[in-house]
Amino acid sequence: MIEIKDLSFRYGKYYTVFDRLNLNLKAGYIYGLLGENGVGKTTLLRMLAGLRFPDEGSIHVMGHEPRRRNAEFLSDVYYLPEVINPVKLSLNEYVKLYAPFYPRFSHEQLAYYISGFGINPVQKIAQSSHGQQKKAMMCFALACNTRLLLMDEPTNGMDIPSKSIFRRLIASTAADDKCIVISTHQVRDLENLIDPIIILEKNRILLNNSVEEITRKLWFGRSPEKSDKDLYREESIGGYNIVGYNDRQEETKMDIEMLFNAAIQNKTLFKRMFIDEQDPSRRSDFADEMQKRLNTDREN
């Protein structure tokens, strides 16, 4: 679906956002794109949509180069930005004007999404609250049925009931031929929805793995005491919430916020555990190192 190879991008001469970034995304998944402020999440989404262009390297989406912005590509990609520009049309008027550009647009699905969010389709979108504007444009985006849907901070400005509806609607649109990429800081809102998880760091990927792959290597849980073996911990009532090595191969439930904090605190280690291990030339060395660590832990 998406193949990014040796991607480099800079703002001006001195601010490098990406330096030889490599990333592959497949159809049939809802990807969560996480990262600290300024690492390039929005820039990456805009490049996938063909709104910004690489300085070096290549991006291919469904066999197309986004920078060429040909009609076939644009009709099968929808990018929903974090900030919605004021639309001086009602949703019905907007649909009449723009739906013809999307061959798989479904008016039946649109009606379902409008009903779910409680949108008034005859009210001018710009006259609504920020949250209602976002929900109106989200209804349109989902109804377009594009094979690639890119969403930047979609739950910002939504109340709790709306976030629940959003999760339900997104899950209902998932299909084997679609790829959904959601960039978010509101990780708790999407914890049971996004899989795989991508954690982006300046100039590199720290993680691009499924929840199953993550929990196979990492242990999530509580302990009454802290340990030097903890990769990340947060003090809580009666003990600590912990992310550690899953050396006993126990099945635990991933905490996405804890995962993110652990990755940011152990950037080099996470890259070696999850990204470098996928490189056959580095896998054996890392496996040997981890086995020595586990053997030492057992002896102690």
Protein backbone atom coordinates (compact mmCIF):
# COMPACT_ATOMS: atom_id res chain seq x y z
CA MET A 1 0.00 0.00 0.00
CA ILE A 2 2.67 2.53 1.12
CA GLU A 3 6.41 2.27 0.53
CA ILE A 4 8.76 5.00 1.76
CA LYS A 5 12.42 4.59 0.86
CA ASP A 6 15.36 6.76 1.97
CA LEU A 7 13.05 9.75 2.48
CA SER A 8 14.69 13.05 3.35
CA PHE A 9 12.86 16.32 3.94
CA ARG A 10 13.96 19.68 5.31
CA TYR A 11 12.37 23.01 6.13
CA GLY A 12 14.88 25.50 4.81
CA LYS A 13 18.59 24.69 4.93
CA TYR A 14 19.04 23.75 8.55
CA TYR A 15 15.91 22.05 9.94
CA THR A 16 15.93 18.40 8.94
CA VAL A 17 12.65 16.57 9.56
CA PHE A 18 13.48 13.24 7.89
CA ASP A 19 16.87 11.84 6.95
CA ARG A 20 16.74 8.61 4.91
CA LEU A 21 13.49 7.43 6.51
CA ASN A 22 12.18 3.99 5.52
CA LEU A 23 8.66 2.80 6.25
CA ASN A 24 6.22 0.29 4.78
CA LEU A 25 2.49 0.18 5.55
CA LYS A 26 0.05 -2.49 4.41
CA ALA A 27 -3.62 -2.49 3.52
CA GLY A 28 -6.07 -3.94 6.01
CA TYR A 29 -4.78 -2.11 9.09
CA ILE A 30 -5.50 0.96 11.22
CA TYR A 31 -2.09 2.43 12.02
CA GLY A 32 -1.51 4.68 15.01
CA LEU A 33 1.17 7.28 14.31
CA LEU A 34 2.67 8.52 17.57
CA GLY A 35 5.54 10.85 18.37
CA GLU A 36 6.59 13.91 20.33
CA ASN A 37 5.81 17.39 19.03
CA GLY A 38 7.98 18.40 16.09
CA VAL A 39 9.04 14.95 14.89
CA GLY A 40 7.13 15.31 11.60
CA LYS A 41 3.87 13.40 12.02
CA THR A 42 1.77 16.01 10.20
CA THR A 43 4.50 16.51 7.60
CA LEU A 44 4.52 12.78 6.90
CA LEU A 45 0.74 12.67 6.46
CA ARG A 46 0.87 15.63 4.10
CA MET A 47 3.62 13.98 2.07
CA LEU A 48 1.54 10.80 1.77
CA ALA A 49 -1.33 12.96 0.49
CA GLY A 50 0.91 14.71 -2.03
CA LEU A 51 0.76 18.08 -0.30
CA ARG A 52 4.52 18.18 0.42
CA PHE A 53 7.32 16.67 -1.60
CA PRO A 54 10.50 14.78 -0.63
CA ASP A 55 13.88 16.44 -1.01
CA GLU A 56 15.41 13.01 -1.59
CA GLY A 57 14.14 9.46 -1.63
CA SER A 58 10.77 8.17 -2.79
CA ILE A 59 7.19 7.65 -1.68
CA HIS A 60 4.85 5.25 -3.45
CA VAL A 61 1.21 4.96 -2.43
CA MET A 62 -0.89 2.31 -4.16
CA GLY A 63 1.65 2.37 -7.00
CA HIS A 64 1.48 6.16 -7.39
CA GLU A 65 3.94 8.92 -6.55
CA PRO A 66 1.88 11.35 -4.43
CA ARG A 67 3.88 14.35 -5.66
CA ARG A 68 2.45 13.85 -9.17
CA ARG A 69 -1.10 14.25 -7.79
CA ASN A 70 -2.77 12.48 -10.68
CA ALA A 71 -6.54 12.12 -10.66
CA GLU A 72 -6.58 8.38 -10.00
CA PHE A 73 -4.45 8.83 -6.90
CA LEU A 74 -6.36 11.84 -5.54
CA SER A 75 -9.71 10.06 -5.92
CA ASP A 76 -8.54 7.24 -3.63
CA VAL A 77 -6.87 9.27 -0.82
CA TYR A 78 -8.46 11.51 1.79
CA TYR A 79 -6.52 13.66 4.26
CA LEU A 80 -8.39 15.11 7.25
CA PRO A 81 -6.21 17.77 8.92
CA GLU A 82 -6.24 18.64 12.60
CA VAL A 83 -7.50 22.16 11.96
CA ILE A 84 -10.55 22.44 9.73
CA ASN A 85 -10.66 25.55 7.57
CA PRO A 86 -14.03 27.32 7.83
CA VAL A 87 -16.44 25.86 5.27
CA LYS A 88 -19.15 28.34 4.31
CA LEU A 89 -21.37 25.57 3.00
CA SER A 90 -23.74 23.15 4.64
CA LEU A 91 -22.68 19.50 4.64
CA ASN A 92 -25.33 18.76 2.01
CA GLU A 93 -23.94 21.51 -0.22
CA TYR A 94 -20.38 20.32 0.36
CA VAL A 95 -21.30 16.76 -0.58
CA LYS A 96 -23.04 17.88 -3.76
CA LEU A 97 -19.93 19.82 -4.79
CA TYR A 98 -17.14 17.40 -3.84
CA ALA A 99 -18.54 13.86 -3.65
CA PRO A 100 -18.32 13.37 -7.47
CA PHE A 101 -14.49 13.40 -7.15
CA TYR A 102 -14.64 10.15 -5.13
CA PRO A 103 -15.96 7.21 -7.18
CA ARG A 104 -16.74 5.04 -4.14
CA PHE A 105 -18.63 7.75 -2.23
CA SER A 106 -21.63 6.30 -0.39
CA HIS A 107 -24.62 8.49 0.41
CA GLU A 108 -26.10 5.66 2.48
CA GLN A 109 -23.01 5.51 4.66
CA LEU A 110 -22.96 9.30 4.93
CA ALA A 111 -26.50 9.25 6.32
CA TYR A 112 -25.41 6.64 8.87
CA TYR A 113 -22.41 8.71 9.98
CA ILE A 114 -24.49 11.90 10.19
CA SER A 115 -27.02 10.10 12.36
CA GLY A 116 -24.27 8.69 14.59
CA PHE A 117 -22.69 12.08 15.24
CA GLY A 118 -25.96 14.04 15.34
CA ILE A 119 -24.91 16.43 12.57
CA ASN A 120 -27.38 18.89 11.03
CA PRO A 121 -26.58 18.54 7.29
CA VAL A 122 -28.34 21.78 6.30
CA GLN A 123 -26.53 24.03 8.78
CA LYS A 124 -23.52 25.98 7.51
CA ILE A 125 -20.45 24.08 8.73
CA ALA A 126 -18.57 27.29 9.62
CA GLN A 127 -21.39 28.30 11.97
CA SER A 128 -20.91 25.17 14.09
CA SER A 129 -18.49 24.61 16.97
CA HIS A 130 -14.99 23.35 16.23
CA GLY A 131 -15.97 19.86 17.37
CA GLN A 132 -19.09 19.81 15.16
CA GLN A 133 -17.11 21.08 12.16
CA LYS A 134 -14.62 18.27 12.63
CA LYS A 135 -17.36 15.68 12.92
CA ALA A 136 -19.09 16.98 9.79
CA MET A 137 -15.90 16.71 7.74
CA MET A 138 -15.20 13.32 9.29
CA CYS A 139 -18.57 12.08 8.06
CA PHE A 140 -17.63 13.19 4.56
CA ALA A 141 -14.15 11.65 4.80
CA LEU A 142 -15.49 8.25 5.87
CA ALA A 143 -18.21 8.28 3.22
CA CYS A 144 -15.60 8.80 0.48
CA ASN A 145 -14.46 5.19 1.00
CA THR A 146 -10.94 5.91 -0.20
CA ARG A 147 -8.42 3.11 0.10
CA LEU A 148 -6.12 5.43 2.07
CA LEU A 149 -7.52 7.60 4.85
CA LEU A 150 -5.15 9.94 6.70
CA MET A 151 -6.37 11.61 9.91
CA ASP A 152 -4.44 14.14 11.98
CA GLU A 153 -5.55 14.37 15.64
CA PRO A 154 -9.16 13.45 14.80
CA THR A 155 -10.43 13.32 18.40
CA ASN A 156 -9.19 16.79 19.38
CA GLY A 157 -12.18 18.93 20.30
CA MET A 158 -14.53 15.96 20.75
CA ASP A 159 -16.42 15.20 23.94
CA ILE A 160 -16.29 11.73 25.49
CA PRO A 161 -19.48 10.36 23.84
CA SER A 162 -18.28 11.59 20.43
CA LYS A 163 -14.94 9.83 20.88
CA SER A 164 -16.77 6.59 21.54
CA ILE A 165 -18.86 7.07 18.38
CA PHE A 166 -15.69 7.89 16.42
CA ARG A 167 -14.05 4.61 17.46
CA ARG A 168 -17.14 2.66 16.48
CA LEU A 169 -17.43 4.32 13.08
CA ILE A 170 -13.73 3.92 12.26
CA ALA A 171 -13.85 0.24 13.19
CA SER A 172 -16.88 -0.22 10.92
CA THR A 173 -15.01 1.22 7.91
CA ALA A 174 -11.96 -1.03 8.22
CA ALA A 175 -11.52 -3.39 5.26
CA ASP A 176 -8.83 -5.59 3.75
CA ASP A 177 -8.25 -3.17 0.87
CA LYS A 178 -8.07 -0.03 3.05
CA CYS A 179 -5.28 1.55 5.08
CA ILE A 180 -6.10 4.09 7.78
CA VAL A 181 -3.32 6.15 9.38
CA ILE A 182 -4.24 8.15 12.49
CA SER A 183 -1.77 10.61 13.99
CA THR A 184 -2.64 11.36 17.60
CA HIS A 185 -1.50 12.55 21.01
CA GLN A 186 -4.76 11.31 22.52
CA VAL A 187 -3.51 7.75 22.79
CA ARG A 188 -6.06 6.70 25.41
CA ASP A 189 -8.88 7.59 23.00
CA LEU A 190 -7.64 5.07 20.43
CA GLU A 191 -5.99 2.38 22.55
CA ASN A 192 -8.25 -0.48 21.43
CA LEU A 193 -8.54 0.72 17.84
CA ILE A 194 -5.07 1.26 16.37
CA ASP A 195 -2.89 -1.71 15.48
CA PRO A 196 -0.04 -1.65 14.41
CA ILE A 197 1.65 1.14 16.35
CA ILE A 198 4.22 3.46 14.75
CA ILE A 199 6.39 5.63 17.01
CA LEU A 200 8.21 8.31 15.08
CA GLU A 201 11.34 10.00 16.42
CA LYS A 202 13.48 12.64 14.78
CA ASN A 203 15.01 11.13 11.65
CA ARG A 204 14.03 7.55 12.56
CA ILE A 205 11.33 5.04 13.37
CA LEU A 206 11.45 3.59 16.89
CA LEU A 207 8.59 1.17 16.42
CA ASN A 208 6.38 -0.18 13.65
CA ASN A 209 4.85 -3.33 15.06
CA SER A 210 1.58 -5.01 15.89
CA VAL A 211 0.28 -5.20 19.44
CA GLU A 212 0.98 -8.93 19.38
CA GLU A 213 4.62 -8.36 18.43
CA ILE A 214 5.00 -5.67 21.10
CA THR A 215 3.54 -7.74 23.94
CA ARG A 216 5.66 -10.71 22.91
CA LYS A 217 8.76 -8.69 23.79
CA LEU A 218 7.48 -6.34 26.48
CA TRP A 219 5.73 -6.94 29.79
CA PHE A 220 3.08 -4.50 31.05
CA GLY A 221 1.89 -4.67 34.63
CA ARG A 222 2.11 -3.54 38.25
CA SER A 223 4.67 -4.27 40.92
CA PRO A 224 4.90 -3.22 44.57
CA GLU A 225 8.59 -2.43 44.09
CA LYS A 226 10.75 -0.85 41.43
CA SER A 227 13.67 -2.65 39.79
CA ASP A 228 16.74 -1.72 37.79
CA LYS A 229 15.39 -4.04 35.09
CA ASP A 230 12.34 -1.81 34.48
CA LEU A 231 12.41 -0.10 31.10
CA TYR A 232 9.88 2.45 32.29
CA ARG A 233 7.80 2.88 35.43
CA GLU A 234 5.30 5.29 36.92
CA GLU A 235 4.54 5.46 40.61
CA SER A 236 0.91 4.81 41.48
CA ILE A 237 -1.09 3.99 44.59
CA GLY A 238 0.37 0.88 46.18
CA GLY A 239 3.26 0.40 43.79
CA TYR A 240 4.40 1.05 40.25
CA ASN A 241 3.04 0.63 36.74
CA ILE A 242 5.86 -0.93 34.76
CA VAL A 243 7.06 -1.74 31.25
CA GLY A 244 9.80 -4.36 31.20
CA TYR A 245 11.25 -7.23 29.20
CA ASN A 246 8.83 -10.11 28.73
CA ASP A 247 11.50 -12.69 29.55
CA ARG A 248 8.93 -15.16 30.91
CA GLN A 249 6.73 -14.86 27.81
CA GLU A 250 3.67 -13.88 29.85
CA GLU A 251 0.59 -12.54 28.08
CA THR A 252 -0.14 -8.99 29.26
CA LYS A 253 -2.37 -6.14 28.06
CA MET A 254 -0.49 -3.34 26.36
CA ASP A 255 -0.83 0.13 27.84
CA ILE A 256 -0.24 2.42 24.86
CA GLU A 257 0.62 5.48 26.94
CA MET A 258 3.16 3.51 28.95
CA LEU A 259 4.53 2.04 25.72
CA PHE A 260 5.04 5.50 24.25
CA ASN A 261 6.78 6.81 27.34
CA ALA A 262 9.00 3.72 27.50
CA ALA A 263 9.98 4.19 23.86
CA ILE A 264 10.83 7.87 24.32
CA GLN A 265 12.90 7.08 27.40
CA ASN A 266 14.72 4.17 25.66
CA LYS A 267 14.96 5.36 22.06
CA THR A 268 18.09 3.50 20.99
CA LEU A 269 17.01 0.29 22.72
CA PHE A 270 13.55 0.35 21.13
CA LYS A 271 15.00 0.92 17.68
CA ARG A 272 17.30 -2.06 18.15
CA MET A 273 14.55 -4.25 19.62
CA PHE A 274 11.89 -3.55 17.01
CA ILE A 275 13.44 -2.01 13.90
CA ASP A 276 17.01 -3.27 13.62
CA GLU A 277 15.87 -6.80 14.46
CA GLN A 278 13.86 -6.79 11.23
CA ASP A 279 17.14 -6.33 9.35
CA PRO A 280 18.61 -9.83 8.76
CA SER A 281 22.15 -8.43 8.92
CA ARG A 282 21.56 -7.22 12.51
CA ARG A 283 19.07 -9.75 13.85
CA SER A 284 21.52 -12.41 15.05
CA ASP A 285 23.73 -9.98 16.99
CA PHE A 286 20.75 -8.49 18.76
CA ALA A 287 19.27 -11.93 19.52
CA ASP A 288 22.59 -13.05 21.05
CA GLU A 289 22.76 -9.91 23.16
CA MET A 290 19.21 -10.34 24.45
CA GLN A 291 19.83 -14.02 25.25
CA LYS A 292 22.91 -13.11 27.31
CA ARG A 293 20.82 -10.50 29.17
CA LEU A 294 18.10 -13.05 29.95
CA ASN A 295 20.62 -15.66 31.07
CA THR A 296 22.24 -13.13 33.40
CA ASP A 297 18.82 -12.19 34.84
CA ARG A 298 17.97 -15.83 35.54
CA GLU A 299 21.32 -16.45 37.24
CA ASN A 300 20.70 -13.49 39.50
